[in-house]
Amino acid sequence: MFWTPELAKFIEDAPWPATKEELLDYTNRNGSPLQVIENIVELDDTDELIEGIEDLWPEYEDVTTEEYFYNDDEEEQYI
């Protein structure tokens, strides 16, 4: 399973708490990239509710998007 802030954005607004099947339905309906759908498919088959993205990617709370997104303004400074 591979998560990035860009991928996580596709499920931030999912109807939490949700089951694996509900998340699959949500990701298919909202046009999520294949990697997001594959990440959900890789989850264990269980009826347990997933409370939020932190259950899927525990480090999510520690990630700041500024560390991962490329800043176009920085490139312009060097031109």
Protein backbone atom coordinates (compact mmCIF):
# COMPACT_ATOMS: atom_id res chain seq x y z
CA MET A 1 0.00 0.00 0.00
CA PHE A 2 1.44 3.35 -1.04
CA TRP A 3 -0.01 6.70 0.08
CA THR A 4 0.97 10.26 -0.69
CA PRO A 5 -0.80 13.50 0.27
CA GLU A 6 -2.01 13.80 -3.32
CA LEU A 7 -3.60 10.34 -3.19
CA ALA A 8 -5.02 10.87 0.30
CA LYS A 9 -6.94 13.93 -0.91
CA PHE A 10 -9.18 11.64 -2.94
CA ILE A 11 -10.56 10.00 0.20
CA GLU A 12 -10.42 12.84 2.73
CA ASP A 13 -14.13 13.53 2.18
CA ALA A 14 -15.19 9.88 2.17
CA PRO A 15 -18.22 9.04 4.31
CA TRP A 16 -16.25 8.10 7.44
CA PRO A 17 -16.60 5.71 9.19
CA ALA A 18 -16.81 3.32 6.27
CA THR A 19 -16.31 -0.31 5.37
CA LYS A 20 -13.87 -1.44 2.72
CA GLU A 21 -16.77 -1.90 0.27
CA GLU A 22 -18.11 1.59 0.96
CA LEU A 23 -14.65 3.07 0.35
CA LEU A 24 -14.33 1.14 -2.92
CA ASP A 25 -17.70 2.44 -4.03
CA TYR A 26 -16.74 5.99 -3.06
CA THR A 27 -13.37 5.89 -4.83
CA ASN A 28 -14.93 4.46 -7.98
CA ARG A 29 -17.66 7.13 -8.03
CA ASN A 30 -15.38 10.12 -7.42
CA GLY A 31 -12.87 9.25 -10.13
CA SER A 32 -9.97 8.37 -7.85
CA PRO A 33 -6.70 7.31 -9.49
CA LEU A 34 -6.05 3.61 -9.86
CA GLN A 35 -3.43 3.69 -7.05
CA VAL A 36 -6.08 4.85 -4.54
CA ILE A 37 -8.46 2.08 -5.61
CA GLU A 38 -5.67 -0.51 -5.44
CA ASN A 39 -4.79 0.68 -1.93
CA ILE A 40 -8.37 0.07 -0.82
CA VAL A 41 -8.51 -3.32 -2.57
CA GLU A 42 -5.38 -4.39 -0.63
CA LEU A 43 -7.17 -3.94 2.70
CA ASP A 44 -8.17 -7.06 4.61
CA ASP A 45 -11.67 -8.31 3.85
CA THR A 46 -13.59 -7.45 6.99
CA ASP A 47 -16.81 -5.75 7.97
CA GLU A 48 -15.01 -3.57 10.50
CA LEU A 49 -15.47 0.14 10.07
CA ILE A 50 -12.51 2.27 9.07
CA GLU A 51 -12.75 5.45 11.12
CA GLY A 52 -10.65 7.67 8.88
CA ILE A 53 -7.62 7.91 6.64
CA GLU A 54 -5.40 7.64 9.73
CA ASP A 55 -6.53 3.99 9.98
CA LEU A 56 -5.18 3.43 6.46
CA TRP A 57 -2.09 5.63 6.69
CA PRO A 58 -1.09 6.17 10.35
CA GLU A 59 1.53 8.79 9.44
CA TYR A 60 -1.09 10.95 7.71
CA GLU A 61 -1.46 13.29 10.71
CA ASP A 62 2.29 13.89 10.75
CA VAL A 63 2.52 14.76 7.07
CA THR A 64 2.47 18.39 6.07
CA THR A 65 1.55 18.90 2.46
CA GLU A 66 4.19 21.59 2.06
CA GLU A 67 6.90 18.96 2.41
CA TYR A 68 5.50 16.90 -0.45
CA PHE A 69 4.17 19.38 -2.97
CA TYR A 70 6.47 21.06 -5.43
CA ASN A 71 6.41 24.84 -5.15
CA ASP A 72 6.44 26.53 -8.56
CA ASP A 73 7.40 29.85 -6.96
CA GLU A 74 10.75 28.42 -5.87
CA GLU A 75 11.64 27.51 -9.46
CA GLU A 76 10.89 31.03 -10.69
CA GLN A 77 13.38 32.50 -8.22
CA TYR A 78 16.24 30.70 -9.97
CA ILE A 79 15.37 31.64 -13.53
